[in-house]
Amino acid sequence: MAILKLPNPEIEKGNKINAKFIRFNYPEQQEFPPRRSELLYDAEAFFHHAGHLYIFTKNRTNPFTGETLIYTVPDKKGNYEAKLIGKINLCDDWDTCRVTSAAISPDGKTIVLLSYGKLWVITNFSMDALPKGSIKEIDLGIRTQLESVCFTNNKTLLLSDEVREGTGGNLYSYTLSDLIKK
């Protein structure tokens, strides 16, 4: 696996940008590809915080377990063995429980995970023990292919979905309530 780290285009001038490769492997993955019952190592969701990348795996197991693994790697160019910092079980529905994106608020106090129709809000956590934080589920009431989430401030999110089967291609705004933040 690799994540490409790009310089800020507002600072890096010119028409050529040099990417830094952050390569990593999951030490728990023993088979390539893994058996259907162990398809836990796909990753679409991660965020950057305090010199590290936090990666949330997208569960594709069959039968579906709802489990998401959380790994961390340094944010610097190199080859790493990802460090497993925990597992969380979000829910058991294949259609709405596969994590597609993750973000952390500017103040570092709230993490959100996105799936095809749901958000999970994690608060009261430490970075080395994320699964021990408070996790609240929000059903967004839509079932499009939501693929991206980011914070615009500590309470407001932008979400986007892909075009699929004639729907999607939208940008949504969602405000976390004060009730969720506590």
N, C-alpha and C. Protein backbone atom coordinates (compact mmCIF):
# COMPACT_ATOMS: atom_id res chain seq x y z
N MET A 1 0.85 -1.16 0.00
CA MET A 1 0.00 0.00 0.00
C MET A 1 0.90 1.23 0.00
N ALA A 2 0.35 2.31 -0.56
CA ALA A 2 1.09 3.56 -0.57
C ALA A 2 0.13 4.73 -0.52
N ILE A 3 0.54 5.76 0.18
CA ILE A 3 -0.16 7.03 0.21
C ILE A 3 0.84 8.05 -0.33
N LEU A 4 0.40 8.87 -1.24
CA LEU A 4 1.27 9.90 -1.81
C LEU A 4 1.06 11.21 -1.07
N LYS A 5 2.14 11.79 -0.60
CA LYS A 5 2.08 13.07 0.10
C LYS A 5 2.55 14.14 -0.87
N LEU A 6 1.66 15.09 -1.15
CA LEU A 6 1.95 16.16 -2.10
C LEU A 6 2.20 17.47 -1.36
N PRO A 7 3.09 18.31 -1.88
CA PRO A 7 3.29 19.62 -1.25
C PRO A 7 2.09 20.52 -1.51
N ASN A 8 1.96 21.54 -0.71
CA ASN A 8 0.89 22.52 -0.88
C ASN A 8 1.09 23.23 -2.22
N PRO A 9 0.12 23.14 -3.14
CA PRO A 9 0.29 23.76 -4.45
C PRO A 9 0.37 25.28 -4.41
N GLU A 10 -0.07 25.90 -3.32
CA GLU A 10 0.05 27.34 -3.19
C GLU A 10 1.48 27.76 -2.85
N ILE A 11 2.24 26.82 -2.29
CA ILE A 11 3.63 27.09 -1.93
C ILE A 11 4.57 26.55 -3.01
N GLU A 12 4.30 25.36 -3.50
CA GLU A 12 5.11 24.71 -4.54
C GLU A 12 4.70 25.26 -5.90
N LYS A 13 5.53 26.09 -6.47
CA LYS A 13 5.20 26.73 -7.75
C LYS A 13 5.71 25.88 -8.90
N GLY A 14 5.13 26.10 -10.06
CA GLY A 14 5.56 25.38 -11.25
C GLY A 14 4.53 24.35 -11.67
N ASN A 15 4.85 23.62 -12.72
CA ASN A 15 3.90 22.63 -13.23
C ASN A 15 4.34 21.20 -12.96
N LYS A 16 5.32 21.03 -12.08
CA LYS A 16 5.75 19.68 -11.71
C LYS A 16 5.82 19.61 -10.19
N ILE A 17 5.14 18.62 -9.63
CA ILE A 17 5.12 18.44 -8.18
C ILE A 17 5.71 17.07 -7.87
N ASN A 18 6.63 17.04 -6.94
CA ASN A 18 7.24 15.78 -6.53
C ASN A 18 6.48 15.18 -5.36
N ALA A 19 5.91 14.01 -5.57
CA ALA A 19 5.18 13.32 -4.51
C ALA A 19 6.15 12.51 -3.67
N LYS A 20 5.85 12.42 -2.39
CA LYS A 20 6.61 11.56 -1.48
C LYS A 20 5.76 10.33 -1.20
N PHE A 21 6.34 9.16 -1.37
CA PHE A 21 5.62 7.91 -1.16
C PHE A 21 5.76 7.43 0.27
N ILE A 22 4.61 7.24 0.90
CA ILE A 22 4.56 6.64 2.24
C ILE A 22 4.03 5.23 2.00
N ARG A 23 4.94 4.26 2.01
CA ARG A 23 4.57 2.87 1.73
C ARG A 23 4.43 2.13 3.06
N PHE A 24 3.45 1.23 3.10
CA PHE A 24 3.25 0.48 4.34
C PHE A 24 2.59 -0.86 4.05
N ASN A 25 2.70 -1.74 5.03
CA ASN A 25 2.01 -3.02 4.98
C ASN A 25 1.32 -3.25 6.32
N TYR A 26 0.33 -4.13 6.29
CA TYR A 26 -0.39 -4.51 7.51
C TYR A 26 0.23 -5.80 8.02
N PRO A 27 0.88 -5.80 9.17
CA PRO A 27 1.53 -7.01 9.66
C PRO A 27 0.55 -8.16 9.93
N GLU A 28 -0.71 -7.85 10.20
CA GLU A 28 -1.70 -8.90 10.47
C GLU A 28 -2.16 -9.61 9.20
N GLN A 29 -1.96 -9.01 8.06
CA GLN A 29 -2.38 -9.64 6.80
C GLN A 29 -1.35 -10.69 6.41
N GLN A 30 -1.77 -11.94 6.36
CA GLN A 30 -0.87 -13.05 6.07
C GLN A 30 -1.04 -13.62 4.67
N GLU A 31 -2.19 -13.39 4.04
CA GLU A 31 -2.46 -13.94 2.71
C GLU A 31 -2.73 -12.81 1.73
N PHE A 32 -2.26 -13.00 0.48
CA PHE A 32 -2.40 -11.98 -0.56
C PHE A 32 -2.93 -12.63 -1.82
N PRO A 33 -4.17 -12.44 -2.19
CA PRO A 33 -5.18 -11.71 -1.43
C PRO A 33 -5.67 -12.55 -0.25
N PRO A 34 -6.26 -11.90 0.75
CA PRO A 34 -6.80 -12.66 1.88
C PRO A 34 -8.06 -13.43 1.50
N ARG A 35 -8.39 -14.42 2.32
CA ARG A 35 -9.65 -15.15 2.13
C ARG A 35 -10.82 -14.20 2.28
N ARG A 36 -11.95 -14.55 1.69
CA ARG A 36 -13.14 -13.68 1.75
C ARG A 36 -13.52 -13.33 3.19
N SER A 37 -13.31 -14.25 4.10
CA SER A 37 -13.66 -14.00 5.50
C SER A 37 -12.67 -13.06 6.18
N GLU A 38 -11.56 -12.71 5.51
CA GLU A 38 -10.55 -11.83 6.09
C GLU A 38 -10.26 -10.61 5.22
N LEU A 39 -11.23 -10.20 4.42
CA LEU A 39 -11.05 -9.03 3.56
C LEU A 39 -11.23 -7.74 4.37
N LEU A 40 -10.26 -7.47 5.22
CA LEU A 40 -10.29 -6.31 6.12
C LEU A 40 -9.25 -5.26 5.78
N TYR A 41 -8.49 -5.44 4.71
CA TYR A 41 -7.30 -4.62 4.51
C TYR A 41 -7.40 -3.61 3.38
N ASP A 42 -8.61 -3.35 2.89
CA ASP A 42 -8.82 -2.27 1.93
C ASP A 42 -8.86 -0.98 2.76
N ALA A 43 -8.38 0.11 2.21
CA ALA A 43 -8.41 1.36 2.96
C ALA A 43 -8.70 2.52 2.04
N GLU A 44 -9.80 3.19 2.28
CA GLU A 44 -10.16 4.42 1.58
C GLU A 44 -10.14 5.61 2.53
N ALA A 45 -10.20 5.34 3.83
CA ALA A 45 -10.41 6.38 4.82
C ALA A 45 -9.16 6.60 5.68
N PHE A 46 -8.69 7.84 5.69
CA PHE A 46 -7.59 8.19 6.59
C PHE A 46 -7.57 9.70 6.78
N PHE A 47 -6.88 10.13 7.83
CA PHE A 47 -6.66 11.55 8.05
C PHE A 47 -5.27 11.75 8.62
N HIS A 48 -4.81 12.99 8.57
CA HIS A 48 -3.50 13.38 9.08
C HIS A 48 -3.68 14.10 10.41
N HIS A 49 -2.84 13.75 11.38
CA HIS A 49 -2.89 14.45 12.66
C HIS A 49 -1.54 14.29 13.37
N ALA A 50 -0.94 15.39 13.75
CA ALA A 50 0.25 15.43 14.60
C ALA A 50 1.36 14.49 14.11
N GLY A 51 1.68 14.58 12.82
CA GLY A 51 2.80 13.82 12.29
C GLY A 51 2.52 12.37 11.93
N HIS A 52 1.25 11.98 11.97
CA HIS A 52 0.88 10.60 11.65
C HIS A 52 -0.35 10.57 10.74
N LEU A 53 -0.48 9.47 10.02
CA LEU A 53 -1.69 9.17 9.26
C LEU A 53 -2.44 8.10 10.04
N TYR A 54 -3.74 8.29 10.18
CA TYR A 54 -4.61 7.33 10.85
C TYR A 54 -5.51 6.72 9.79
N ILE A 55 -5.40 5.41 9.61
CA ILE A 55 -6.05 4.69 8.52
C ILE A 55 -7.15 3.80 9.08
N PHE A 56 -8.33 3.87 8.47
CA PHE A 56 -9.49 3.06 8.87
C PHE A 56 -9.81 2.13 7.70
N THR A 57 -9.80 0.84 7.95
CA THR A 57 -10.00 -0.10 6.84
C THR A 57 -11.47 -0.22 6.47
N LYS A 58 -11.69 -0.55 5.20
CA LYS A 58 -13.04 -0.77 4.66
C LYS A 58 -13.28 -2.27 4.64
N ASN A 59 -14.21 -2.70 5.44
CA ASN A 59 -14.50 -4.12 5.59
C ASN A 59 -15.23 -4.66 4.36
N ARG A 60 -14.68 -5.72 3.78
CA ARG A 60 -15.32 -6.40 2.64
C ARG A 60 -15.47 -7.89 2.93
N THR A 61 -15.51 -8.25 4.21
CA THR A 61 -15.58 -9.67 4.58
C THR A 61 -16.89 -10.30 4.14
N ASN A 62 -16.84 -11.60 3.94
CA ASN A 62 -18.04 -12.39 3.64
C ASN A 62 -17.90 -13.70 4.39
N PRO A 63 -18.71 -13.91 5.43
CA PRO A 63 -19.81 -13.06 5.87
C PRO A 63 -19.29 -11.75 6.49
N PHE A 64 -20.13 -10.72 6.37
CA PHE A 64 -19.76 -9.38 6.82
C PHE A 64 -19.72 -9.31 8.33
N THR A 65 -18.63 -8.74 8.88
CA THR A 65 -18.47 -8.66 10.33
C THR A 65 -18.70 -7.26 10.89
N GLY A 66 -18.62 -6.23 10.05
CA GLY A 66 -18.80 -4.86 10.53
C GLY A 66 -17.56 -4.27 11.20
N GLU A 67 -16.49 -5.03 11.28
CA GLU A 67 -15.28 -4.59 11.96
C GLU A 67 -14.44 -3.66 11.07
N THR A 68 -13.92 -2.61 11.67
CA THR A 68 -12.99 -1.69 11.01
C THR A 68 -11.71 -1.67 11.83
N LEU A 69 -10.59 -1.88 11.15
CA LEU A 69 -9.29 -1.84 11.82
C LEU A 69 -8.73 -0.43 11.73
N ILE A 70 -8.02 0.01 12.77
CA ILE A 70 -7.44 1.35 12.80
C ILE A 70 -5.92 1.19 12.91
N TYR A 71 -5.22 1.79 11.95
CA TYR A 71 -3.76 1.72 11.90
C TYR A 71 -3.19 3.13 11.89
N THR A 72 -1.91 3.23 12.21
CA THR A 72 -1.21 4.49 12.08
C THR A 72 0.17 4.25 11.46
N VAL A 73 0.60 5.24 10.69
CA VAL A 73 1.95 5.26 10.11
C VAL A 73 2.46 6.71 10.19
N PRO A 74 3.78 6.90 10.21
CA PRO A 74 4.31 8.26 10.17
C PRO A 74 3.93 8.95 8.86
N ASP A 75 3.89 10.27 8.87
CA ASP A 75 3.52 11.02 7.66
C ASP A 75 4.72 11.38 6.80
N LYS A 76 5.81 10.67 6.98
CA LYS A 76 7.04 10.96 6.24
C LYS A 76 7.33 9.87 5.20
N LYS A 77 8.01 10.27 4.14
CA LYS A 77 8.41 9.34 3.09
C LYS A 77 9.15 8.16 3.72
N GLY A 78 8.81 6.95 3.26
CA GLY A 78 9.49 5.77 3.77
C GLY A 78 8.64 4.53 3.62
N ASN A 79 9.18 3.41 4.13
CA ASN A 79 8.49 2.12 4.14
C ASN A 79 8.23 1.74 5.59
N TYR A 80 6.97 1.44 5.90
CA TYR A 80 6.60 1.21 7.29
C TYR A 80 5.74 -0.04 7.45
N GLU A 81 5.80 -0.59 8.64
CA GLU A 81 4.84 -1.60 9.07
C GLU A 81 3.78 -0.82 9.85
N ALA A 82 2.55 -0.83 9.34
CA ALA A 82 1.48 -0.07 9.99
C ALA A 82 1.25 -0.63 11.40
N LYS A 83 1.01 0.25 12.33
CA LYS A 83 0.77 -0.15 13.72
C LYS A 83 -0.74 -0.21 13.97
N LEU A 84 -1.22 -1.39 14.33
CA LEU A 84 -2.64 -1.55 14.68
C LEU A 84 -2.89 -0.91 16.04
N ILE A 85 -3.79 0.08 16.07
CA ILE A 85 -4.09 0.72 17.35
C ILE A 85 -5.47 0.32 17.87
N GLY A 86 -6.21 -0.46 17.08
CA GLY A 86 -7.48 -0.94 17.59
C GLY A 86 -8.44 -1.36 16.50
N LYS A 87 -9.58 -1.85 16.96
CA LYS A 87 -10.66 -2.30 16.09
C LYS A 87 -11.96 -1.74 16.64
N ILE A 88 -12.87 -1.41 15.74
CA ILE A 88 -14.20 -1.02 16.17
C ILE A 88 -15.22 -1.76 15.32
N ASN A 89 -16.32 -2.08 15.93
CA ASN A 89 -17.44 -2.70 15.23
C ASN A 89 -18.52 -1.64 15.12
N LEU A 90 -18.74 -1.13 13.92
CA LEU A 90 -19.68 -0.03 13.74
C LEU A 90 -21.11 -0.52 13.63
N CYS A 91 -21.37 -1.49 12.78
CA CYS A 91 -22.69 -2.11 12.64
C CYS A 91 -22.55 -3.30 11.72
N ASP A 92 -23.61 -4.05 11.53
CA ASP A 92 -23.49 -5.32 10.80
C ASP A 92 -24.19 -5.34 9.44
N ASP A 93 -24.48 -4.17 8.87
CA ASP A 93 -25.15 -4.09 7.58
C ASP A 93 -24.13 -3.77 6.48
N TRP A 94 -23.93 -4.71 5.56
CA TRP A 94 -22.97 -4.55 4.46
C TRP A 94 -23.19 -3.24 3.70
N ASP A 95 -24.43 -2.87 3.44
CA ASP A 95 -24.74 -1.71 2.61
C ASP A 95 -24.38 -0.37 3.26
N THR A 96 -24.41 -0.29 4.58
CA THR A 96 -24.23 1.01 5.23
C THR A 96 -23.09 1.07 6.24
N CYS A 97 -22.31 0.02 6.39
CA CYS A 97 -21.31 -0.02 7.47
C CYS A 97 -19.87 -0.11 7.00
N ARG A 98 -19.62 0.07 5.72
CA ARG A 98 -18.24 0.01 5.20
C ARG A 98 -17.68 1.43 5.15
N VAL A 99 -16.62 1.70 5.89
CA VAL A 99 -16.06 3.04 6.02
C VAL A 99 -15.41 3.47 4.71
N THR A 100 -15.84 4.64 4.21
CA THR A 100 -15.32 5.17 2.95
C THR A 100 -14.49 6.44 3.11
N SER A 101 -14.59 7.12 4.25
CA SER A 101 -13.83 8.34 4.46
C SER A 101 -13.75 8.65 5.96
N ALA A 102 -12.74 9.44 6.32
CA ALA A 102 -12.55 9.82 7.72
C ALA A 102 -11.99 11.24 7.77
N ALA A 103 -12.30 11.94 8.86
CA ALA A 103 -11.76 13.30 9.04
C ALA A 103 -11.67 13.60 10.53
N ILE A 104 -10.77 14.51 10.85
CA ILE A 104 -10.65 14.98 12.23
C ILE A 104 -10.88 16.49 12.23
N SER A 105 -11.56 16.97 13.25
CA SER A 105 -11.89 18.40 13.34
C SER A 105 -10.62 19.23 13.53
N PRO A 106 -10.67 20.51 13.16
CA PRO A 106 -9.50 21.38 13.32
C PRO A 106 -8.98 21.44 14.76
N ASP A 107 -9.87 21.33 15.75
CA ASP A 107 -9.42 21.36 17.14
C ASP A 107 -8.96 19.99 17.64
N GLY A 108 -9.06 18.95 16.79
CA GLY A 108 -8.59 17.62 17.15
C GLY A 108 -9.46 16.88 18.16
N LYS A 109 -10.68 17.37 18.42
CA LYS A 109 -11.53 16.77 19.44
C LYS A 109 -12.63 15.86 18.90
N THR A 110 -12.82 15.86 17.57
CA THR A 110 -13.90 15.07 16.98
C THR A 110 -13.38 14.38 15.72
N ILE A 111 -13.68 13.11 15.61
CA ILE A 111 -13.38 12.34 14.40
C ILE A 111 -14.70 11.89 13.82
N VAL A 112 -14.83 11.94 12.51
CA VAL A 112 -16.01 11.38 11.85
C VAL A 112 -15.58 10.32 10.86
N LEU A 113 -16.37 9.27 10.78
CA LEU A 113 -16.21 8.22 9.78
C LEU A 113 -17.47 8.23 8.93
N LEU A 114 -17.31 8.05 7.64
CA LEU A 114 -18.42 8.09 6.69
C LEU A 114 -18.59 6.74 6.03
N SER A 115 -19.83 6.41 5.69
CA SER A 115 -20.13 5.21 4.90
C SER A 115 -21.23 5.58 3.92
N TYR A 116 -21.81 4.60 3.29
CA TYR A 116 -22.89 4.83 2.34
C TYR A 116 -24.19 5.11 3.08
N GLY A 117 -24.29 6.28 3.69
CA GLY A 117 -25.52 6.68 4.36
C GLY A 117 -25.43 6.92 5.84
N LYS A 118 -24.26 6.68 6.43
CA LYS A 118 -24.12 6.89 7.87
C LYS A 118 -22.84 7.64 8.19
N LEU A 119 -22.89 8.31 9.34
CA LEU A 119 -21.73 8.96 9.94
C LEU A 119 -21.55 8.37 11.33
N TRP A 120 -20.32 8.20 11.75
CA TRP A 120 -20.03 7.87 13.14
C TRP A 120 -19.17 9.00 13.67
N VAL A 121 -19.55 9.54 14.80
CA VAL A 121 -18.85 10.65 15.42
C VAL A 121 -18.15 10.12 16.66
N ILE A 122 -16.83 10.29 16.70
CA ILE A 122 -16.02 9.79 17.81
C ILE A 122 -15.53 11.00 18.60
N THR A 123 -15.81 11.00 19.89
CA THR A 123 -15.37 12.07 20.80
C THR A 123 -14.78 11.42 22.05
N ASN A 124 -14.22 12.23 22.91
CA ASN A 124 -13.66 11.76 24.19
C ASN A 124 -12.70 10.59 23.97
N PHE A 125 -11.69 10.80 23.13
CA PHE A 125 -10.75 9.74 22.77
C PHE A 125 -9.32 10.21 23.00
N SER A 126 -8.41 9.27 23.00
CA SER A 126 -6.98 9.57 22.87
C SER A 126 -6.55 8.90 21.58
N MET A 127 -5.57 9.47 20.90
CA MET A 127 -5.18 8.97 19.59
C MET A 127 -4.65 7.54 19.63
N ASP A 128 -4.04 7.14 20.74
CA ASP A 128 -3.52 5.77 20.83
C ASP A 128 -4.56 4.77 21.32
N ALA A 129 -5.78 5.23 21.60
CA ALA A 129 -6.85 4.34 22.05
C ALA A 129 -8.19 4.79 21.46
N LEU A 130 -8.23 5.01 20.15
CA LEU A 130 -9.44 5.51 19.50
C LEU A 130 -10.69 4.66 19.78
N PRO A 131 -10.59 3.33 19.78
CA PRO A 131 -11.80 2.54 20.01
C PRO A 131 -12.45 2.75 21.38
N LYS A 132 -11.72 3.32 22.32
CA LYS A 132 -12.27 3.57 23.65
C LYS A 132 -13.03 4.89 23.73
N GLY A 133 -13.02 5.66 22.65
CA GLY A 133 -13.75 6.92 22.63
C GLY A 133 -15.25 6.69 22.57
N SER A 134 -16.02 7.75 22.74
CA SER A 134 -17.47 7.69 22.61
C SER A 134 -17.82 7.71 21.13
N ILE A 135 -18.62 6.73 20.67
CA ILE A 135 -18.99 6.64 19.27
C ILE A 135 -20.50 6.76 19.15
N LYS A 136 -20.95 7.76 18.36
CA LYS A 136 -22.37 7.94 18.10
C LYS A 136 -22.62 7.77 16.61
N GLU A 137 -23.67 7.04 16.28
CA GLU A 137 -24.05 6.80 14.89
C GLU A 137 -25.12 7.79 14.46
N ILE A 138 -24.95 8.33 13.25
CA ILE A 138 -25.96 9.21 12.66
C ILE A 138 -26.37 8.61 11.32
N ASP A 139 -27.65 8.28 11.19
CA ASP A 139 -28.17 7.80 9.91
C ASP A 139 -28.53 9.04 9.10
N LEU A 140 -27.87 9.23 7.96
CA LEU A 140 -28.08 10.42 7.15
C LEU A 140 -29.36 10.36 6.32
N GLY A 141 -29.98 9.20 6.27
CA GLY A 141 -31.26 9.08 5.58
C GLY A 141 -31.14 8.98 4.06
N ILE A 142 -29.94 8.87 3.55
CA ILE A 142 -29.75 8.66 2.11
C ILE A 142 -28.88 7.42 1.92
N ARG A 143 -28.96 6.80 0.76
CA ARG A 143 -28.17 5.60 0.50
C ARG A 143 -27.40 5.74 -0.81
N THR A 144 -26.79 6.90 -1.00
CA THR A 144 -25.95 7.09 -2.18
C THR A 144 -24.53 6.63 -1.85
N GLN A 145 -23.68 6.67 -2.83
CA GLN A 145 -22.30 6.23 -2.65
C GLN A 145 -21.46 7.37 -2.09
N LEU A 146 -21.69 7.69 -0.80
CA LEU A 146 -20.93 8.74 -0.12
C LEU A 146 -19.48 8.29 0.01
N GLU A 147 -18.56 9.13 -0.44
CA GLU A 147 -17.15 8.73 -0.49
C GLU A 147 -16.19 9.70 0.18
N SER A 148 -16.66 10.89 0.57
CA SER A 148 -15.71 11.87 1.08
C SER A 148 -16.35 12.75 2.15
N VAL A 149 -15.58 13.01 3.20
CA VAL A 149 -16.02 13.91 4.27
C VAL A 149 -14.84 14.75 4.71
N CYS A 150 -15.10 16.03 5.03
CA CYS A 150 -14.07 16.89 5.61
C CYS A 150 -14.77 17.94 6.49
N PHE A 151 -14.03 18.46 7.44
CA PHE A 151 -14.52 19.53 8.31
C PHE A 151 -14.22 20.88 7.66
N THR A 152 -15.17 21.81 7.74
CA THR A 152 -14.88 23.19 7.36
C THR A 152 -14.60 24.03 8.60
N ASN A 153 -15.12 23.60 9.72
CA ASN A 153 -14.82 24.16 11.04
C ASN A 153 -15.10 23.03 12.04
N ASN A 154 -15.12 23.29 13.32
CA ASN A 154 -15.27 22.22 14.31
C ASN A 154 -16.65 21.57 14.34
N LYS A 155 -17.66 22.15 13.67
CA LYS A 155 -19.01 21.59 13.69
C LYS A 155 -19.58 21.29 12.31
N THR A 156 -19.01 21.86 11.25
CA THR A 156 -19.61 21.73 9.93
C THR A 156 -18.79 20.79 9.05
N LEU A 157 -19.51 19.87 8.39
CA LEU A 157 -18.89 18.90 7.50
C LEU A 157 -19.33 19.15 6.07
N LEU A 158 -18.46 18.82 5.13
CA LEU A 158 -18.82 18.70 3.73
C LEU A 158 -18.72 17.23 3.37
N LEU A 159 -19.74 16.71 2.68
CA LEU A 159 -19.77 15.32 2.25
C LEU A 159 -20.04 15.31 0.74
N SER A 160 -19.47 14.33 0.06
CA SER A 160 -19.75 14.22 -1.38
C SER A 160 -20.00 12.76 -1.73
N ASP A 161 -20.76 12.57 -2.79
CA ASP A 161 -21.02 11.22 -3.27
C ASP A 161 -20.67 11.09 -4.74
N GLU A 162 -20.38 9.86 -5.15
CA GLU A 162 -20.06 9.58 -6.54
C GLU A 162 -21.34 9.40 -7.34
N VAL A 163 -21.23 9.64 -8.63
CA VAL A 163 -22.35 9.36 -9.53
C VAL A 163 -22.42 7.85 -9.72
N ARG A 164 -23.59 7.29 -9.45
CA ARG A 164 -23.80 5.85 -9.60
C ARG A 164 -25.26 5.59 -9.89
N GLU A 165 -25.50 4.89 -10.97
CA GLU A 165 -26.86 4.52 -11.37
C GLU A 165 -27.78 5.74 -11.45
N GLY A 166 -27.28 6.82 -12.02
CA GLY A 166 -28.09 8.01 -12.26
C GLY A 166 -28.29 8.93 -11.07
N THR A 167 -27.68 8.63 -9.93
CA THR A 167 -27.78 9.52 -8.77
C THR A 167 -26.39 9.89 -8.29
N GLY A 168 -26.32 10.84 -7.40
CA GLY A 168 -25.03 11.23 -6.83
C GLY A 168 -24.41 12.41 -7.54
N GLY A 169 -23.12 12.59 -7.28
CA GLY A 169 -22.41 13.73 -7.82
C GLY A 169 -22.74 15.01 -7.07
N ASN A 170 -23.11 14.87 -5.80
CA ASN A 170 -23.55 16.01 -5.00
C ASN A 170 -22.55 16.36 -3.91
N LEU A 171 -22.62 17.60 -3.47
CA LEU A 171 -21.88 18.08 -2.31
C LEU A 171 -22.91 18.48 -1.27
N TYR A 172 -22.76 17.95 -0.06
CA TYR A 172 -23.70 18.20 1.04
C TYR A 172 -22.97 18.89 2.18
N SER A 173 -23.72 19.67 2.94
CA SER A 173 -23.22 20.26 4.16
C SER A 173 -24.02 19.66 5.31
N TYR A 174 -23.31 19.35 6.39
CA TYR A 174 -23.97 18.77 7.56
C TYR A 174 -23.37 19.41 8.80
N THR A 175 -24.21 19.87 9.72
CA THR A 175 -23.75 20.47 10.96
C THR A 175 -23.97 19.51 12.11
N LEU A 176 -22.89 19.21 12.82
CA LEU A 176 -22.99 18.37 14.01
C LEU A 176 -23.67 19.16 15.12
N SER A 177 -24.62 18.54 15.77
CA SER A 177 -25.34 19.23 16.83
C SER A 177 -24.49 19.30 18.09
N ASP A 178 -24.85 20.21 18.99
CA ASP A 178 -24.15 20.30 20.26
C ASP A 178 -24.31 19.02 21.06
N LEU A 179 -25.44 18.35 20.90
CA LEU A 179 -25.67 17.09 21.61
C LEU A 179 -24.63 16.04 21.23
N ILE A 180 -24.28 15.96 19.94
CA ILE A 180 -23.29 15.00 19.47
C ILE A 180 -21.90 15.36 19.98
N LYS A 181 -21.58 16.63 20.08
CA LYS A 181 -20.24 17.07 20.46
C LYS A 181 -19.90 16.75 21.91
N LYS A 182 -20.89 16.47 22.74
CA LYS A 182 -20.61 16.23 24.16
C LYS A 182 -20.31 14.79 24.44
